[in-house]
């Protein structure tokens, strides 16, 4: 496995463990607040997990450079949209990896085929 893939897997496992621990120490009604530059299509992939038993609300601030505020409230259910996101991520994780192959042509003049 490539070193970058190992790093990504380790980072994902670490953040999953981190959020599980945050969820564990929150009382019902307790809130975890995160302010980040990460847009919802990146961050909600990490937050949208039924086992954390929290809801996800977010908004953004700023004009040209946005800050994103996420409020995760313990004891509330995920929205239907976030449940669908969780399901699609789990399905994606269970799918076999896609293998891409290509055939190299030795005598092909690629630069001559570019239309300028």
N, C-alpha and C. Protein backbone atom coordinates (compact mmCIF):
# COMPACT_ATOMS: atom_id res chain seq x y z
N UNK A 1 0.85 -1.18 0.00
CA UNK A 1 0.00 0.00 0.00
C UNK A 1 0.89 1.24 0.00
N UNK A 2 0.51 2.25 -0.71
CA UNK A 2 1.25 3.49 -0.83
C UNK A 2 1.27 4.24 0.50
N UNK A 3 2.35 4.96 0.79
CA UNK A 3 2.48 5.68 2.07
C UNK A 3 1.37 6.71 2.25
N UNK A 4 0.98 7.40 1.17
CA UNK A 4 -0.09 8.39 1.26
C UNK A 4 -1.41 7.72 1.62
N UNK A 5 -1.68 6.55 1.06
CA UNK A 5 -2.90 5.82 1.41
C UNK A 5 -2.88 5.45 2.89
N UNK A 6 -1.73 5.00 3.39
CA UNK A 6 -1.60 4.67 4.81
C UNK A 6 -1.87 5.90 5.67
N UNK A 7 -1.33 7.06 5.25
CA UNK A 7 -1.53 8.28 6.00
C UNK A 7 -3.00 8.65 6.03
N UNK A 8 -3.67 8.55 4.88
CA UNK A 8 -5.09 8.88 4.80
C UNK A 8 -5.92 7.93 5.68
N UNK A 9 -5.62 6.65 5.64
CA UNK A 9 -6.34 5.68 6.46
C UNK A 9 -6.12 5.96 7.93
N UNK A 10 -4.86 6.25 8.30
CA UNK A 10 -4.55 6.55 9.71
C UNK A 10 -5.26 7.83 10.16
N UNK A 11 -5.27 8.85 9.33
CA UNK A 11 -5.94 10.10 9.68
C UNK A 11 -7.44 9.88 9.84
N UNK A 12 -8.03 9.11 8.95
CA UNK A 12 -9.46 8.81 9.04
C UNK A 12 -9.76 8.02 10.32
N UNK A 13 -8.95 7.02 10.62
CA UNK A 13 -9.16 6.23 11.83
C UNK A 13 -9.01 7.10 13.08
N UNK A 14 -8.03 8.00 13.07
CA UNK A 14 -7.82 8.89 14.21
C UNK A 14 -9.02 9.81 14.41
N UNK A 15 -9.51 10.43 13.33
CA UNK A 15 -10.65 11.34 13.48
C UNK A 15 -11.91 10.59 13.90
N UNK A 16 -12.09 9.39 13.39
CA UNK A 16 -13.25 8.58 13.79
C UNK A 16 -13.19 8.28 15.28
N UNK A 17 -12.02 7.92 15.78
CA UNK A 17 -11.84 7.66 17.21
C UNK A 17 -12.05 8.94 18.02
N UNK A 18 -11.53 10.05 17.52
CA UNK A 18 -11.69 11.34 18.20
C UNK A 18 -13.16 11.70 18.37
N UNK A 19 -13.94 11.62 17.28
CA UNK A 19 -15.36 11.97 17.36
C UNK A 19 -16.15 10.99 18.21
N UNK A 20 -15.76 9.73 18.21
CA UNK A 20 -16.41 8.74 19.09
C UNK A 20 -16.19 9.11 20.55
N UNK A 21 -14.98 9.55 20.88
CA UNK A 21 -14.69 9.95 22.27
C UNK A 21 -15.43 11.23 22.65
N UNK A 22 -15.50 12.18 21.72
CA UNK A 22 -16.26 13.41 21.98
C UNK A 22 -17.72 13.06 22.22
N UNK A 23 -18.28 12.20 21.39
CA UNK A 23 -19.67 11.78 21.55
C UNK A 23 -19.90 11.10 22.90
N UNK A 24 -18.92 10.28 23.30
CA UNK A 24 -19.06 9.53 24.55
C UNK A 24 -19.13 10.46 25.77
N UNK A 25 -18.39 11.57 25.78
CA UNK A 25 -18.35 12.43 26.97
C UNK A 25 -19.45 13.50 26.97
N UNK A 26 -20.11 13.71 25.84
CA UNK A 26 -21.19 14.69 25.82
C UNK A 26 -22.43 14.14 26.52
N UNK A 27 -23.05 14.98 27.34
CA UNK A 27 -24.33 14.62 27.96
C UNK A 27 -25.44 14.87 26.95
N UNK A 28 -26.60 14.24 27.14
CA UNK A 28 -27.74 14.55 26.24
C UNK A 28 -28.00 16.06 26.24
N UNK A 29 -28.12 16.62 25.06
CA UNK A 29 -28.30 18.06 24.92
C UNK A 29 -26.98 18.82 24.84
N UNK A 30 -25.87 18.13 25.16
CA UNK A 30 -24.55 18.76 25.08
C UNK A 30 -24.18 19.03 23.63
N UNK A 31 -23.32 20.02 23.43
CA UNK A 31 -22.97 20.40 22.07
C UNK A 31 -21.45 20.42 21.87
N UNK A 32 -21.06 19.95 20.71
CA UNK A 32 -19.69 20.09 20.25
C UNK A 32 -19.72 21.10 19.12
N UNK A 33 -18.91 22.15 19.24
CA UNK A 33 -18.89 23.22 18.24
C UNK A 33 -17.54 23.19 17.54
N UNK A 34 -17.59 23.22 16.22
CA UNK A 34 -16.37 23.21 15.41
C UNK A 34 -16.42 24.38 14.45
N UNK A 35 -15.35 25.18 14.44
CA UNK A 35 -15.22 26.28 13.48
C UNK A 35 -14.03 25.91 12.59
N UNK A 36 -14.28 25.89 11.29
CA UNK A 36 -13.27 25.38 10.37
C UNK A 36 -13.43 26.03 8.99
N UNK A 37 -12.44 25.86 8.16
CA UNK A 37 -12.54 26.28 6.77
C UNK A 37 -13.14 25.16 5.91
N UNK A 38 -13.31 23.97 6.47
CA UNK A 38 -13.78 22.81 5.71
C UNK A 38 -15.27 22.94 5.36
N UNK A 39 -15.56 22.85 4.08
CA UNK A 39 -16.94 22.95 3.60
C UNK A 39 -17.72 21.70 3.98
N UNK A 40 -19.06 21.81 4.02
CA UNK A 40 -19.89 20.67 4.45
C UNK A 40 -19.65 19.38 3.67
N UNK A 41 -19.37 19.45 2.36
CA UNK A 41 -19.18 18.20 1.62
C UNK A 41 -17.90 17.48 2.04
N UNK A 42 -17.00 18.16 2.75
CA UNK A 42 -15.83 17.49 3.32
C UNK A 42 -16.08 17.09 4.77
N UNK A 43 -16.59 18.01 5.57
CA UNK A 43 -16.68 17.80 7.01
C UNK A 43 -17.81 16.88 7.41
N UNK A 44 -18.97 16.99 6.76
CA UNK A 44 -20.11 16.16 7.15
C UNK A 44 -19.86 14.69 6.91
N UNK A 45 -18.91 14.37 6.03
CA UNK A 45 -18.53 12.97 5.80
C UNK A 45 -17.98 12.36 7.09
N UNK A 46 -17.37 13.19 7.92
CA UNK A 46 -16.81 12.70 9.18
C UNK A 46 -17.84 12.72 10.31
N UNK A 47 -18.73 13.71 10.31
CA UNK A 47 -19.69 13.88 11.40
C UNK A 47 -20.92 12.99 11.28
N UNK A 48 -21.33 12.64 10.07
CA UNK A 48 -22.62 11.95 9.85
C UNK A 48 -22.49 10.46 10.12
N UNK A 49 -22.57 10.10 11.40
CA UNK A 49 -22.52 8.70 11.80
C UNK A 49 -23.55 8.47 12.90
N UNK A 50 -24.42 7.52 12.67
CA UNK A 50 -25.51 7.24 13.60
C UNK A 50 -24.99 6.91 15.00
N UNK A 51 -23.86 6.20 15.08
CA UNK A 51 -23.36 5.79 16.40
C UNK A 51 -22.93 6.96 17.27
N UNK A 52 -22.70 8.14 16.70
CA UNK A 52 -22.35 9.30 17.53
C UNK A 52 -23.58 9.87 18.24
N UNK A 53 -24.76 9.52 17.75
CA UNK A 53 -26.02 9.95 18.35
C UNK A 53 -26.09 11.48 18.53
N UNK A 54 -25.81 12.20 17.45
CA UNK A 54 -25.95 13.65 17.48
C UNK A 54 -26.51 14.16 16.16
N UNK A 55 -27.08 15.35 16.23
CA UNK A 55 -27.55 16.01 15.01
C UNK A 55 -26.44 16.95 14.53
N UNK A 56 -26.54 17.33 13.28
CA UNK A 56 -25.53 18.21 12.69
C UNK A 56 -26.23 19.45 12.13
N UNK A 57 -25.82 20.60 12.61
CA UNK A 57 -26.29 21.87 12.04
C UNK A 57 -25.06 22.67 11.66
N UNK A 58 -25.15 23.38 10.55
CA UNK A 58 -24.01 24.19 10.14
C UNK A 58 -24.47 25.48 9.48
N UNK A 59 -23.59 26.46 9.52
CA UNK A 59 -23.79 27.72 8.81
C UNK A 59 -22.40 28.25 8.44
N UNK A 60 -22.35 29.28 7.63
CA UNK A 60 -21.06 29.84 7.26
C UNK A 60 -21.06 31.35 7.45
N UNK A 61 -19.85 31.88 7.65
CA UNK A 61 -19.64 33.30 7.88
C UNK A 61 -18.52 33.77 6.97
N UNK A 62 -18.58 35.01 6.59
CA UNK A 62 -17.54 35.59 5.75
C UNK A 62 -18.07 35.89 4.37
N UNK A 63 -17.40 36.82 3.70
CA UNK A 63 -17.84 37.23 2.37
C UNK A 63 -17.14 36.45 1.27
N UNK A 64 -15.85 36.61 1.15
CA UNK A 64 -15.15 35.91 0.07
C UNK A 64 -14.42 34.66 0.58
N UNK A 65 -14.08 34.65 1.85
CA UNK A 65 -13.39 33.51 2.45
C UNK A 65 -14.24 33.04 3.61
N UNK A 66 -14.86 31.86 3.48
CA UNK A 66 -15.85 31.42 4.45
C UNK A 66 -15.26 30.62 5.60
N UNK A 67 -15.81 30.88 6.77
CA UNK A 67 -15.61 30.04 7.94
C UNK A 67 -16.90 29.24 8.10
N UNK A 68 -16.78 27.98 8.45
CA UNK A 68 -17.95 27.14 8.63
C UNK A 68 -18.07 26.78 10.11
N UNK A 69 -19.26 26.95 10.63
CA UNK A 69 -19.56 26.64 12.02
C UNK A 69 -20.46 25.42 12.04
N UNK A 70 -20.03 24.38 12.75
CA UNK A 70 -20.81 23.15 12.90
C UNK A 70 -21.17 23.00 14.37
N UNK A 71 -22.44 22.73 14.62
CA UNK A 71 -22.91 22.46 15.98
C UNK A 71 -23.51 21.06 15.98
N UNK A 72 -22.89 20.18 16.76
CA UNK A 72 -23.33 18.79 16.87
C UNK A 72 -23.98 18.64 18.24
N UNK A 73 -25.27 18.32 18.25
CA UNK A 73 -26.03 18.26 19.50
C UNK A 73 -26.31 16.80 19.86
N UNK A 74 -25.79 16.39 21.01
CA UNK A 74 -25.93 15.00 21.48
C UNK A 74 -27.39 14.71 21.84
N UNK A 75 -27.84 13.51 21.48
CA UNK A 75 -29.20 13.09 21.82
C UNK A 75 -30.23 13.42 20.77
N UNK A 76 -29.82 14.08 19.71
CA UNK A 76 -30.73 14.38 18.61
C UNK A 76 -30.37 13.49 17.42
N UNK A 77 -31.34 13.19 16.58
CA UNK A 77 -31.11 12.29 15.45
C UNK A 77 -30.52 13.05 14.26
N UNK A 78 -29.82 12.31 13.43
CA UNK A 78 -29.35 12.86 12.17
C UNK A 78 -30.55 13.21 11.30
N UNK A 79 -30.40 14.21 10.48
CA UNK A 79 -31.45 14.56 9.51
C UNK A 79 -31.53 13.46 8.45
N UNK A 80 -32.65 13.35 7.75
CA UNK A 80 -32.73 12.36 6.67
C UNK A 80 -31.62 12.53 5.63
N UNK A 81 -31.24 13.76 5.36
CA UNK A 81 -30.15 14.03 4.41
C UNK A 81 -28.82 13.45 4.93
N UNK A 82 -28.55 13.62 6.23
CA UNK A 82 -27.31 13.11 6.80
C UNK A 82 -27.32 11.59 6.92
N UNK A 83 -28.49 11.01 7.16
CA UNK A 83 -28.60 9.54 7.18
C UNK A 83 -28.31 8.99 5.79
N UNK A 84 -28.83 9.66 4.76
CA UNK A 84 -28.57 9.22 3.38
C UNK A 84 -27.08 9.34 3.06
N UNK A 85 -26.45 10.40 3.54
CA UNK A 85 -25.01 10.56 3.34
C UNK A 85 -24.24 9.43 4.01
N UNK A 86 -24.59 9.11 5.24
CA UNK A 86 -23.92 8.02 5.96
C UNK A 86 -24.08 6.69 5.20
N UNK A 87 -25.29 6.42 4.74
CA UNK A 87 -25.53 5.17 4.00
C UNK A 87 -24.69 5.10 2.72
N UNK A 88 -24.64 6.21 2.00
CA UNK A 88 -23.87 6.20 0.74
C UNK A 88 -22.38 6.04 1.03
N UNK A 89 -21.89 6.61 2.11
CA UNK A 89 -20.47 6.46 2.45
C UNK A 89 -20.15 5.03 2.85
N UNK A 90 -21.05 4.39 3.59
CA UNK A 90 -20.83 2.99 3.99
C UNK A 90 -20.88 2.07 2.78
N UNK A 91 -21.81 2.34 1.86
CA UNK A 91 -21.91 1.54 0.63
C UNK A 91 -20.65 1.72 -0.21
N UNK A 92 -20.19 2.95 -0.30
CA UNK A 92 -18.96 3.25 -1.05
C UNK A 92 -17.76 2.52 -0.44
N UNK A 93 -17.69 2.48 0.89
CA UNK A 93 -16.57 1.83 1.57
C UNK A 93 -16.60 0.31 1.36
N UNK A 94 -17.78 -0.26 1.20
CA UNK A 94 -17.91 -1.71 1.04
C UNK A 94 -17.69 -2.16 -0.41
N UNK A 95 -17.77 -1.23 -1.35
CA UNK A 95 -17.62 -1.58 -2.76
C UNK A 95 -16.18 -1.98 -3.06
N UNK A 96 -15.99 -2.94 -3.97
CA UNK A 96 -14.63 -3.32 -4.33
C UNK A 96 -13.93 -2.16 -5.03
N UNK A 97 -12.62 -2.03 -4.86
CA UNK A 97 -11.91 -0.92 -5.50
C UNK A 97 -11.94 -1.04 -7.02
N UNK A 98 -11.96 0.10 -7.66
CA UNK A 98 -11.95 0.16 -9.10
C UNK A 98 -10.51 0.08 -9.59
N UNK A 99 -10.25 -0.80 -10.52
CA UNK A 99 -8.90 -0.96 -11.08
C UNK A 99 -8.91 -0.36 -12.48
N UNK A 100 -8.04 0.60 -12.70
CA UNK A 100 -7.95 1.24 -14.01
C UNK A 100 -6.67 0.78 -14.69
N UNK A 101 -6.79 0.37 -15.92
CA UNK A 101 -5.62 -0.04 -16.69
C UNK A 101 -5.61 0.71 -18.01
N UNK A 102 -4.43 0.81 -18.61
CA UNK A 102 -4.33 1.42 -19.91
C UNK A 102 -3.24 0.71 -20.70
N UNK A 103 -3.36 0.82 -22.01
CA UNK A 103 -2.38 0.20 -22.89
C UNK A 103 -1.51 1.28 -23.48
N UNK A 104 -0.21 1.14 -23.36
CA UNK A 104 0.71 2.11 -23.89
C UNK A 104 1.03 1.76 -25.34
N UNK A 105 0.96 2.75 -26.21
CA UNK A 105 1.28 2.56 -27.61
C UNK A 105 2.63 3.21 -27.85
N UNK A 106 3.59 2.43 -28.29
CA UNK A 106 4.96 2.93 -28.41
C UNK A 106 5.15 3.92 -29.54
N UNK A 107 4.50 3.76 -30.67
CA UNK A 107 4.76 4.59 -31.83
C UNK A 107 3.76 5.73 -32.00
N UNK A 108 2.93 5.98 -31.04
CA UNK A 108 1.91 7.03 -31.16
C UNK A 108 2.56 8.39 -30.97
N UNK A 109 2.26 9.31 -31.85
CA UNK A 109 2.77 10.67 -31.76
C UNK A 109 1.67 11.53 -31.13
N UNK A 110 1.62 11.56 -29.80
CA UNK A 110 0.54 12.23 -29.10
C UNK A 110 0.51 13.73 -29.36
N UNK A 111 1.68 14.35 -29.45
CA UNK A 111 1.71 15.80 -29.62
C UNK A 111 1.13 16.22 -30.97
N UNK A 112 1.27 15.42 -31.97
CA UNK A 112 0.72 15.76 -33.29
C UNK A 112 -0.80 15.66 -33.29
N UNK A 113 -1.39 14.93 -32.36
CA UNK A 113 -2.84 14.75 -32.30
C UNK A 113 -3.57 15.83 -31.51
N UNK A 114 -2.83 16.76 -30.95
CA UNK A 114 -3.45 17.84 -30.17
C UNK A 114 -3.87 18.94 -31.12
N UNK A 115 -5.14 19.27 -31.10
CA UNK A 115 -5.67 20.35 -31.96
C UNK A 115 -5.56 21.67 -31.21
N UNK A 116 -4.78 22.58 -31.77
CA UNK A 116 -4.60 23.90 -31.13
C UNK A 116 -5.42 24.94 -31.81
